[in-house]
Amino acid sequence: LFTTRSGRGIGRQLLRQALTVCRAHSPDLERITVHSAPSAVPA
């Protein structure tokens, strides 16, 4: 997950859109995971 500018909600919206795709494929989906770079943990 990468965005050129932080603080504009682009990452949040990309995640939202991705979750819509995930739910359509797996309606019972309960959790989503990520292996975050240490510096990206706050984001």
All heavy atoms as atom14 arrays in JSON, in Angstrom:
{
  "sequence": "LFTTRSGRGIGRQLLRQALTVCRAHSPDLERITVHSAPSAVPA",
  "atom14_mask": [
    [1, 1, 1, 1, 1, 1, 1, 1, 0, 0, 0, 0, 0, 0],
    [1, 1, 1, 1, 1, 1, 1, 1, 1, 1, 1, 0, 0, 0],
    [1, 1, 1, 1, 1, 1, 1, 0, 0, 0, 0, 0, 0, 0],
    [1, 1, 1, 1, 1, 1, 1, 0, 0, 0, 0, 0, 0, 0],
    [1, 1, 1, 1, 1, 1, 1, 1, 1, 1, 1, 0, 0, 0],
    [1, 1, 1, 1, 1, 1, 0, 0, 0, 0, 0, 0, 0, 0],
    [1, 1, 1, 1, 0, 0, 0, 0, 0, 0, 0, 0, 0, 0],
    [1, 1, 1, 1, 1, 1, 1, 1, 1, 1, 1, 0, 0, 0],
    [1, 1, 1, 1, 0, 0, 0, 0, 0, 0, 0, 0, 0, 0],
    [1, 1, 1, 1, 1, 1, 1, 1, 0, 0, 0, 0, 0, 0],
    [1, 1, 1, 1, 0, 0, 0, 0, 0, 0, 0, 0, 0, 0],
    [1, 1, 1, 1, 1, 1, 1, 1, 1, 1, 1, 0, 0, 0],
    [1, 1, 1, 1, 1, 1, 1, 1, 1, 0, 0, 0, 0, 0],
    [1, 1, 1, 1, 1, 1, 1, 1, 0, 0, 0, 0, 0, 0],
    [1, 1, 1, 1, 1, 1, 1, 1, 0, 0, 0, 0, 0, 0],
    [1, 1, 1, 1, 1, 1, 1, 1, 1, 1, 1, 0, 0, 0],
    [1, 1, 1, 1, 1, 1, 1, 1, 1, 0, 0, 0, 0, 0],
    [1, 1, 1, 1, 1, 0, 0, 0, 0, 0, 0, 0, 0, 0],
    [1, 1, 1, 1, 1, 1, 1, 1, 0, 0, 0, 0, 0, 0],
    [1, 1, 1, 1, 1, 1, 1, 0, 0, 0, 0, 0, 0, 0],
    [1, 1, 1, 1, 1, 1, 1, 0, 0, 0, 0, 0, 0, 0],
    [1, 1, 1, 1, 1, 1, 0, 0, 0, 0, 0, 0, 0, 0],
    [1, 1, 1, 1, 1, 1, 1, 1, 1, 1, 1, 0, 0, 0],
    [1, 1, 1, 1, 1, 0, 0, 0, 0, 0, 0, 0, 0, 0],
    [1, 1, 1, 1, 1, 1, 1, 1, 1, 1, 0, 0, 0, 0],
    [1, 1, 1, 1, 1, 1, 0, 0, 0, 0, 0, 0, 0, 0],
    [1, 1, 1, 1, 1, 1, 1, 0, 0, 0, 0, 0, 0, 0],
    [1, 1, 1, 1, 1, 1, 1, 1, 0, 0, 0, 0, 0, 0],
    [1, 1, 1, 1, 1, 1, 1, 1, 0, 0, 0, 0, 0, 0],
    [1, 1, 1, 1, 1, 1, 1, 1, 1, 0, 0, 0, 0, 0],
    [1, 1, 1, 1, 1, 1, 1, 1, 1, 1, 1, 0, 0, 0],
    [1, 1, 1, 1, 1, 1, 1, 1, 0, 0, 0, 0, 0, 0],
    [1, 1, 1, 1, 1, 1, 1, 0, 0, 0, 0, 0, 0, 0],
    [1, 1, 1, 1, 1, 1, 1, 0, 0, 0, 0, 0, 0, 0],
    [1, 1, 1, 1, 1, 1, 1, 1, 1, 1, 0, 0, 0, 0],
    [1, 1, 1, 1, 1, 1, 0, 0, 0, 0, 0, 0, 0, 0],
    [1, 1, 1, 1, 1, 0, 0, 0, 0, 0, 0, 0, 0, 0],
    [1, 1, 1, 1, 1, 1, 1, 0, 0, 0, 0, 0, 0, 0],
    [1, 1, 1, 1, 1, 1, 0, 0, 0, 0, 0, 0, 0, 0],
    [1, 1, 1, 1, 1, 0, 0, 0, 0, 0, 0, 0, 0, 0],
    [1, 1, 1, 1, 1, 1, 1, 0, 0, 0, 0, 0, 0, 0],
    [1, 1, 1, 1, 1, 1, 1, 0, 0, 0, 0, 0, 0, 0],
    [1, 1, 1, 1, 1, 0, 0, 0, 0, 0, 0, 0, 0, 0]
  ],
  "atom14_positions": [
    [[0.88, -1.18, 0.0], [0.0, 0.0, 0.0], [0.91, 1.22, 0.0], [1.67, 1.42, 0.95], [-0.91, 0.01, 1.23], [-1.76, 1.27, 1.45], [-2.68, 1.57, 0.28], [-2.58, 1.14, 2.74], [0.0, 0.0, 0.0], [0.0, 0.0, 0.0], [0.0, 0.0, 0.0], [0.0, 0.0, 0.0], [0.0, 0.0, 0.0], [0.0, 0.0, 0.0]],
    [[0.86, 1.98, -1.08], [1.69, 3.17, -1.2], [0.86, 4.31, -1.77], [0.06, 4.11, -2.68], [2.88, 2.92, -2.15], [3.92, 2.0, -1.59], [3.98, 0.67, -1.99], [4.86, 2.46, -0.67], [4.94, -0.19, -1.47], [5.82, 1.61, -0.15], [5.86, 0.29, -0.56], [0.0, 0.0, 0.0], [0.0, 0.0, 0.0], [0.0, 0.0, 0.0]],
    [[1.07, 5.51, -1.23], [0.45, 6.72, -1.78], [1.52, 7.79, -1.9], [2.47, 7.83, -1.11], [-0.71, 7.24, -0.91], [-0.19, 7.63, 0.36], [-1.79, 6.19, -0.72], [0.0, 0.0, 0.0], [0.0, 0.0, 0.0], [0.0, 0.0, 0.0], [0.0, 0.0, 0.0], [0.0, 0.0, 0.0], [0.0, 0.0, 0.0], [0.0, 0.0, 0.0]],
    [[1.35, 8.66, -2.89], [2.35, 9.69, -3.12], [2.26, 10.83, -2.11], [3.24, 11.5, -1.86], [2.23, 10.29, -4.54], [0.91, 10.82, -4.71], [2.52, 9.24, -5.6], [0.0, 0.0, 0.0], [0.0, 0.0, 0.0], [0.0, 0.0, 0.0], [0.0, 0.0, 0.0], [0.0, 0.0, 0.0], [0.0, 0.0, 0.0], [0.0, 0.0, 0.0]],
    [[1.08, 11.03, -1.53], [0.9, 12.11, -0.56], [0.12, 11.6, 0.63], [-0.97, 11.07, 0.47], [0.16, 13.28, -1.2], [1.03, 14.07, -2.15], [0.22, 15.13, -2.86], [0.35, 14.85, -4.29], [-0.65, 14.72, -5.12], [-1.89, 14.84, -4.71], [-0.43, 14.48, -6.39], [0.0, 0.0, 0.0], [0.0, 0.0, 0.0], [0.0, 0.0, 0.0]],
    [[0.67, 11.79, 1.81], [-0.05, 11.35, 3.01], [-1.01, 12.44, 3.46], [-0.91, 13.59, 3.05], [0.93, 11.01, 4.13], [1.68, 12.16, 4.46], [0.0, 0.0, 0.0], [0.0, 0.0, 0.0], [0.0, 0.0, 0.0], [0.0, 0.0, 0.0], [0.0, 0.0, 0.0], [0.0, 0.0, 0.0], [0.0, 0.0, 0.0], [0.0, 0.0, 0.0]],
    [[-1.96, 12.05, 4.26], [-2.89, 13.01, 4.84], [-4.03, 13.42, 3.93], [-4.8, 14.31, 4.27], [0.0, 0.0, 0.0], [0.0, 0.0, 0.0], [0.0, 0.0, 0.0], [0.0, 0.0, 0.0], [0.0, 0.0, 0.0], [0.0, 0.0, 0.0], [0.0, 0.0, 0.0], [0.0, 0.0, 0.0], [0.0, 0.0, 0.0], [0.0, 0.0, 0.0]],
    [[-4.17, 12.79, 2.78], [-5.26, 13.16, 1.87], [-6.35, 12.1, 1.83], [-7.31, 12.22, 1.08], [-4.72, 13.39, 0.46], [-3.77, 14.58, 0.43], [-3.57, 15.18, -0.93], [-4.76, 15.28, -1.72], [-4.81, 14.99, -3.01], [-3.75, 14.58, -3.65], [-5.94, 15.11, -3.68], [0.0, 0.0, 0.0], [0.0, 0.0, 0.0], [0.0, 0.0, 0.0]],
    [[-6.18, 11.02, 2.6], [-7.21, 9.99, 2.65], [-7.14, 8.98, 1.51], [-8.01, 8.13, 1.38], [0.0, 0.0, 0.0], [0.0, 0.0, 0.0], [0.0, 0.0, 0.0], [0.0, 0.0, 0.0], [0.0, 0.0, 0.0], [0.0, 0.0, 0.0], [0.0, 0.0, 0.0], [0.0, 0.0, 0.0], [0.0, 0.0, 0.0], [0.0, 0.0, 0.0]],
    [[-6.11, 9.07, 0.69], [-5.99, 8.17, -0.45], [-5.76, 6.72, 0.02], [-6.4, 5.79, -0.47], [-4.88, 8.63, -1.42], [-5.27, 9.98, -2.04], [-4.62, 7.59, -2.51], [-4.17, 10.68, -2.8], [0.0, 0.0, 0.0], [0.0, 0.0, 0.0], [0.0, 0.0, 0.0], [0.0, 0.0, 0.0], [0.0, 0.0, 0.0], [0.0, 0.0, 0.0]],
    [[-4.88, 6.53, 0.99], [-4.63, 5.19, 1.52], [-5.89, 4.6, 2.16], [-6.21, 3.43, 1.94], [0.0, 0.0, 0.0], [0.0, 0.0, 0.0], [0.0, 0.0, 0.0], [0.0, 0.0, 0.0], [0.0, 0.0, 0.0], [0.0, 0.0, 0.0], [0.0, 0.0, 0.0], [0.0, 0.0, 0.0], [0.0, 0.0, 0.0], [0.0, 0.0, 0.0]],
    [[-6.6, 5.43, 2.9], [-7.84, 4.97, 3.55], [-8.88, 4.56, 2.49], [-9.54, 3.54, 2.61], [-8.4, 6.09, 4.43], [-9.66, 5.72, 5.18], [-10.09, 6.81, 6.16], [-9.04, 7.17, 7.1], [-8.77, 6.49, 8.21], [-9.46, 5.42, 8.51], [-7.8, 6.87, 9.01], [0.0, 0.0, 0.0], [0.0, 0.0, 0.0], [0.0, 0.0, 0.0]],
    [[-8.99, 5.36, 1.44], [-9.96, 5.05, 0.39], [-9.54, 3.81, -0.41], [-10.38, 2.99, -0.77], [-10.16, 6.25, -0.53], [-11.31, 6.09, -1.5], [-12.66, 5.89, -0.82], [-12.91, 6.38, 0.27], [-13.54, 5.14, -1.46], [0.0, 0.0, 0.0], [0.0, 0.0, 0.0], [0.0, 0.0, 0.0], [0.0, 0.0, 0.0], [0.0, 0.0, 0.0]],
    [[-8.25, 3.66, -0.67], [-7.77, 2.44, -1.35], [-8.1, 1.21, -0.51], [-8.57, 0.2, -1.04], [-6.26, 2.52, -1.6], [-5.81, 3.3, -2.82], [-4.31, 3.57, -2.76], [-6.18, 2.56, -4.11], [0.0, 0.0, 0.0], [0.0, 0.0, 0.0], [0.0, 0.0, 0.0], [0.0, 0.0, 0.0], [0.0, 0.0, 0.0], [0.0, 0.0, 0.0]],
    [[-7.87, 1.3, 0.8], [-8.18, 0.18, 1.69], [-9.68, -0.1, 1.68], [-10.12, -1.25, 1.59], [-7.69, 0.47, 3.11], [-7.98, -0.63, 4.14], [-7.28, -1.94, 3.77], [-7.53, -0.16, 5.53], [0.0, 0.0, 0.0], [0.0, 0.0, 0.0], [0.0, 0.0, 0.0], [0.0, 0.0, 0.0], [0.0, 0.0, 0.0], [0.0, 0.0, 0.0]],
    [[-10.48, 0.94, 1.74], [-11.94, 0.8, 1.72], [-12.39, 0.08, 0.44], [-13.2, -0.84, 0.48], [-12.56, 2.19, 1.8], [-13.86, 2.21, 2.55], [-14.34, 3.64, 2.72], [-14.0, 4.11, 4.04], [-13.68, 5.34, 4.37], [-13.65, 6.29, 3.46], [-13.41, 5.66, 5.6], [0.0, 0.0, 0.0], [0.0, 0.0, 0.0], [0.0, 0.0, 0.0]],
    [[-11.88, 0.54, -0.7], [-12.23, -0.06, -1.99], [-11.79, -1.53, -2.03], [-12.51, -2.39, -2.52], [-11.56, 0.7, -3.13], [-11.97, 2.14, -3.23], [-13.22, 2.35, -4.03], [-13.59, 1.55, -4.85], [-13.89, 3.47, -3.79], [0.0, 0.0, 0.0], [0.0, 0.0, 0.0], [0.0, 0.0, 0.0], [0.0, 0.0, 0.0], [0.0, 0.0, 0.0]],
    [[-10.57, -1.8, -1.53], [-10.05, -3.17, -1.52], [-10.93, -4.07, -0.65], [-11.21, -5.22, -1.01], [-8.6, -3.18, -1.02], [0.0, 0.0, 0.0], [0.0, 0.0, 0.0], [0.0, 0.0, 0.0], [0.0, 0.0, 0.0], [0.0, 0.0, 0.0], [0.0, 0.0, 0.0], [0.0, 0.0, 0.0], [0.0, 0.0, 0.0], [0.0, 0.0, 0.0]],
    [[-11.36, -3.56, 0.49], [-12.22, -4.36, 1.38], [-13.55, -4.68, 0.72], [-14.11, -5.76, 0.94], [-12.43, -3.64, 2.71], [-11.25, -3.72, 3.66], [-11.46, -2.8, 4.85], [-11.01, -5.14, 4.12], [0.0, 0.0, 0.0], [0.0, 0.0, 0.0], [0.0, 0.0, 0.0], [0.0, 0.0, 0.0], [0.0, 0.0, 0.0], [0.0, 0.0, 0.0]],
    [[-14.06, -3.78, -0.11], [-15.29, -4.06, -0.85], [-15.08, -5.25, -1.78], [-15.92, -6.15, -1.86], [-15.72, -2.81, -1.65], [-15.97, -1.76, -0.72], [-16.98, -3.07, -2.47], [0.0, 0.0, 0.0], [0.0, 0.0, 0.0], [0.0, 0.0, 0.0], [0.0, 0.0, 0.0], [0.0, 0.0, 0.0], [0.0, 0.0, 0.0], [0.0, 0.0, 0.0]],
    [[-13.94, -5.28, -2.48], [-13.6, -6.41, -3.35], [-13.44, -7.69, -2.52], [-13.96, -8.75, -2.89], [-12.31, -6.12, -4.16], [-11.87, -7.34, -4.95], [-12.51, -4.92, -5.07], [0.0, 0.0, 0.0], [0.0, 0.0, 0.0], [0.0, 0.0, 0.0], [0.0, 0.0, 0.0], [0.0, 0.0, 0.0], [0.0, 0.0, 0.0], [0.0, 0.0, 0.0]],
    [[-12.74, -7.58, -1.41], [-12.51, -8.74, -0.54], [-13.83, -9.33, -0.04], [-14.02, -10.55, -0.07], [-11.63, -8.36, 0.65], [-9.93, -7.94, 0.21], [0.0, 0.0, 0.0], [0.0, 0.0, 0.0], [0.0, 0.0, 0.0], [0.0, 0.0, 0.0], [0.0, 0.0, 0.0], [0.0, 0.0, 0.0], [0.0, 0.0, 0.0], [0.0, 0.0, 0.0]],
    [[-14.73, -8.46, 0.4], [-16.02, -8.92, 0.93], [-16.88, -9.56, -0.15], [-17.61, -10.5, 0.11], [-16.78, -7.77, 1.55], [-16.3, -7.45, 2.93], [-17.44, -6.76, 3.69], [-16.89, -6.07, 4.81], [-16.7, -4.76, 4.86], [-17.01, -4.0, 3.87], [-16.21, -4.22, 5.94], [0.0, 0.0, 0.0], [0.0, 0.0, 0.0], [0.0, 0.0, 0.0]],
    [[-16.81, -9.01, -1.37], [-17.59, -9.59, -2.48], [-17.1, -11.0, -2.76], [-17.89, -11.89, -3.09], [-17.45, -8.72, -3.73], [0.0, 0.0, 0.0], [0.0, 0.0, 0.0], [0.0, 0.0, 0.0], [0.0, 0.0, 0.0], [0.0, 0.0, 0.0], [0.0, 0.0, 0.0], [0.0, 0.0, 0.0], [0.0, 0.0, 0.0], [0.0, 0.0, 0.0]],
    [[-15.8, -11.23, -2.62], [-15.23, -12.55, -2.88], [-15.39, -13.47, -1.68], [-15.61, -14.67, -1.83], [-13.75, -12.41, -3.24], [-13.14, -13.68, -3.69], [-12.55, -14.57, -2.82], [-13.05, -14.23, -4.91], [-12.12, -15.61, -3.51], [-12.4, -15.43, -4.78], [0.0, 0.0, 0.0], [0.0, 0.0, 0.0], [0.0, 0.0, 0.0], [0.0, 0.0, 0.0]],
    [[-15.26, -12.92, -0.47], [-15.33, -13.7, 0.77], [-16.27, -13.0, 1.75], [-15.83, -12.27, 2.64], [-13.93, -13.8, 1.4], [-13.02, -14.35, 0.5], [0.0, 0.0, 0.0], [0.0, 0.0, 0.0], [0.0, 0.0, 0.0], [0.0, 0.0, 0.0], [0.0, 0.0, 0.0], [0.0, 0.0, 0.0], [0.0, 0.0, 0.0], [0.0, 0.0, 0.0]],
    [[-17.58, -13.23, 1.62], [-18.55, -12.53, 2.46], [-18.34, -12.75, 3.97], [-18.73, -11.9, 4.77], [-19.9, -13.11, 2.02], [-19.66, -13.66, 0.65], [-18.22, -14.1, 0.62], [0.0, 0.0, 0.0], [0.0, 0.0, 0.0], [0.0, 0.0, 0.0], [0.0, 0.0, 0.0], [0.0, 0.0, 0.0], [0.0, 0.0, 0.0], [0.0, 0.0, 0.0]],
    [[-17.71, -13.85, 4.36], [-17.49, -14.13, 5.78], [-16.18, -13.55, 6.31], [-15.82, -13.82, 7.46], [-17.51, -15.65, 6.03], [-18.86, -16.25, 5.69], [-19.87, -15.53, 5.73], [-18.9, -17.46, 5.37], [0.0, 0.0, 0.0], [0.0, 0.0, 0.0], [0.0, 0.0, 0.0], [0.0, 0.0, 0.0], [0.0, 0.0, 0.0], [0.0, 0.0, 0.0]],
    [[-15.49, -12.78, 5.51], [-14.21, -12.21, 5.91], [-14.36, -11.44, 7.22], [-15.22, -10.58, 7.34], [-13.69, -11.28, 4.81], [-12.32, -10.65, 5.05], [-11.22, -11.7, 4.99], [-12.07, -9.56, 4.02], [0.0, 0.0, 0.0], [0.0, 0.0, 0.0], [0.0, 0.0, 0.0], [0.0, 0.0, 0.0], [0.0, 0.0, 0.0], [0.0, 0.0, 0.0]],
    [[-13.52, -11.78, 8.19], [-13.58, -11.1, 9.5], [-12.4, -10.2, 9.77], [-12.51, -9.24, 10.52], [-13.71, -12.14, 10.61], [-15.04, -12.86, 10.56], [-15.23, -13.81, 11.73], [-14.41, -13.8, 12.66], [-16.22, -14.55, 11.7], [0.0, 0.0, 0.0], [0.0, 0.0, 0.0], [0.0, 0.0, 0.0], [0.0, 0.0, 0.0], [0.0, 0.0, 0.0]],
    [[-11.24, -10.53, 9.19], [-10.06, -9.71, 9.45], [-9.15, -9.66, 8.24], [-9.17, -10.54, 7.39], [-9.28, -10.21, 10.67], [-8.97, -11.66, 10.65], [-8.33, -12.14, 11.95], [-6.94, -12.43, 11.69], [-5.92, -12.0, 12.4], [-6.11, -11.27, 13.45], [-4.69, -12.29, 12.08], [0.0, 0.0, 0.0], [0.0, 0.0, 0.0], [0.0, 0.0, 0.0]],
    [[-8.38, -8.59, 8.2], [-7.41, -8.39, 7.13], [-6.07, -8.12, 7.8], [-6.02, -7.52, 8.87], [-7.86, -7.24, 6.19], [-6.98, -7.21, 4.95], [-7.96, -5.93, 6.89], [-7.6, -6.43, 3.78], [0.0, 0.0, 0.0], [0.0, 0.0, 0.0], [0.0, 0.0, 0.0], [0.0, 0.0, 0.0], [0.0, 0.0, 0.0], [0.0, 0.0, 0.0]],
    [[-5.0, -8.62, 7.19], [-3.68, -8.5, 7.8], [-2.74, -7.71, 6.89], [-3.0, -7.5, 5.71], [-3.08, -9.9, 8.05], [-3.01, -10.62, 6.81], [-3.92, -10.68, 9.06], [0.0, 0.0, 0.0], [0.0, 0.0, 0.0], [0.0, 0.0, 0.0], [0.0, 0.0, 0.0], [0.0, 0.0, 0.0], [0.0, 0.0, 0.0], [0.0, 0.0, 0.0]],
    [[-1.61, -7.31, 7.48], [-0.56, -6.62, 6.74], [0.75, -6.86, 7.47], [0.76, -7.04, 8.7], [-0.85, -5.1, 6.61], [-0.79, -4.39, 7.96], [0.1, -4.44, 5.61], [0.0, 0.0, 0.0], [0.0, 0.0, 0.0], [0.0, 0.0, 0.0], [0.0, 0.0, 0.0], [0.0, 0.0, 0.0], [0.0, 0.0, 0.0], [0.0, 0.0, 0.0]],
    [[1.84, -6.91, 6.73], [3.19, -6.9, 7.31], [3.72, -5.49, 7.07], [4.19, -5.18, 5.98], [4.08, -7.94, 6.64], [3.72, -9.34, 6.99], [4.22, -10.43, 6.33], [2.9, -9.84, 7.95], [3.74, -11.54, 6.86], [2.93, -11.2, 7.84], [0.0, 0.0, 0.0], [0.0, 0.0, 0.0], [0.0, 0.0, 0.0], [0.0, 0.0, 0.0]],
    [[3.61, -4.64, 8.08], [3.95, -3.23, 7.96], [5.44, -2.99, 8.14], [6.06, -3.53, 9.06], [3.19, -2.43, 9.02], [3.62, -1.09, 9.03], [0.0, 0.0, 0.0], [0.0, 0.0, 0.0], [0.0, 0.0, 0.0], [0.0, 0.0, 0.0], [0.0, 0.0, 0.0], [0.0, 0.0, 0.0], [0.0, 0.0, 0.0], [0.0, 0.0, 0.0]],
    [[6.0, -2.14, 7.27], [7.36, -1.65, 7.53], [7.3, -0.94, 8.89], [6.28, -0.31, 9.21], [7.79, -0.69, 6.44], [0.0, 0.0, 0.0], [0.0, 0.0, 0.0], [0.0, 0.0, 0.0], [0.0, 0.0, 0.0], [0.0, 0.0, 0.0], [0.0, 0.0, 0.0], [0.0, 0.0, 0.0], [0.0, 0.0, 0.0], [0.0, 0.0, 0.0]],
    [[8.36, -1.05, 9.69], [8.32, -0.41, 11.02], [7.9, 1.06, 10.97], [7.11, 1.51, 11.79], [9.75, -0.58, 11.53], [10.21, -1.85, 10.88], [9.59, -1.82, 9.49], [0.0, 0.0, 0.0], [0.0, 0.0, 0.0], [0.0, 0.0, 0.0], [0.0, 0.0, 0.0], [0.0, 0.0, 0.0], [0.0, 0.0, 0.0], [0.0, 0.0, 0.0]],
    [[8.39, 1.81, 10.0], [8.06, 3.24, 9.93], [6.61, 3.5, 9.53], [6.1, 4.59, 9.73], [8.99, 3.94, 8.93], [8.84, 3.38, 7.64], [0.0, 0.0, 0.0], [0.0, 0.0, 0.0], [0.0, 0.0, 0.0], [0.0, 0.0, 0.0], [0.0, 0.0, 0.0], [0.0, 0.0, 0.0], [0.0, 0.0, 0.0], [0.0, 0.0, 0.0]],
    [[5.93, 2.49, 8.97], [4.54, 2.67, 8.53], [3.52, 2.23, 9.59], [2.32, 2.41, 9.39], [4.29, 1.89, 7.24], [0.0, 0.0, 0.0], [0.0, 0.0, 0.0], [0.0, 0.0, 0.0], [0.0, 0.0, 0.0], [0.0, 0.0, 0.0], [0.0, 0.0, 0.0], [0.0, 0.0, 0.0], [0.0, 0.0, 0.0], [0.0, 0.0, 0.0]],
    [[3.98, 1.7, 10.72], [3.06, 1.24, 11.76], [2.07, 2.32, 12.18], [0.86, 2.06, 12.25], [3.83, 0.65, 12.96], [2.91, 0.44, 14.17], [4.49, -0.68, 12.57], [0.0, 0.0, 0.0], [0.0, 0.0, 0.0], [0.0, 0.0, 0.0], [0.0, 0.0, 0.0], [0.0, 0.0, 0.0], [0.0, 0.0, 0.0], [0.0, 0.0, 0.0]],
    [[2.51, 3.57, 12.45], [1.53, 4.6, 12.84], [0.46, 4.84, 11.78], [-0.71, 5.05, 12.1], [2.39, 5.85, 13.06], [3.76, 5.32, 13.38], [3.9, 4.07, 12.53], [0.0, 0.0, 0.0], [0.0, 0.0, 0.0], [0.0, 0.0, 0.0], [0.0, 0.0, 0.0], [0.0, 0.0, 0.0], [0.0, 0.0, 0.0], [0.0, 0.0, 0.0]],
    [[0.85, 4.79, 10.51], [-0.14, 5.0, 9.43], [-1.16, 3.86, 9.43], [-2.36, 4.09, 9.3], [0.57, 5.08, 8.08], [0.0, 0.0, 0.0], [0.0, 0.0, 0.0], [0.0, 0.0, 0.0], [0.0, 0.0, 0.0], [0.0, 0.0, 0.0], [0.0, 0.0, 0.0], [0.0, 0.0, 0.0], [0.0, 0.0, 0.0], [0.0, 0.0, 0.0]]
  ]
}
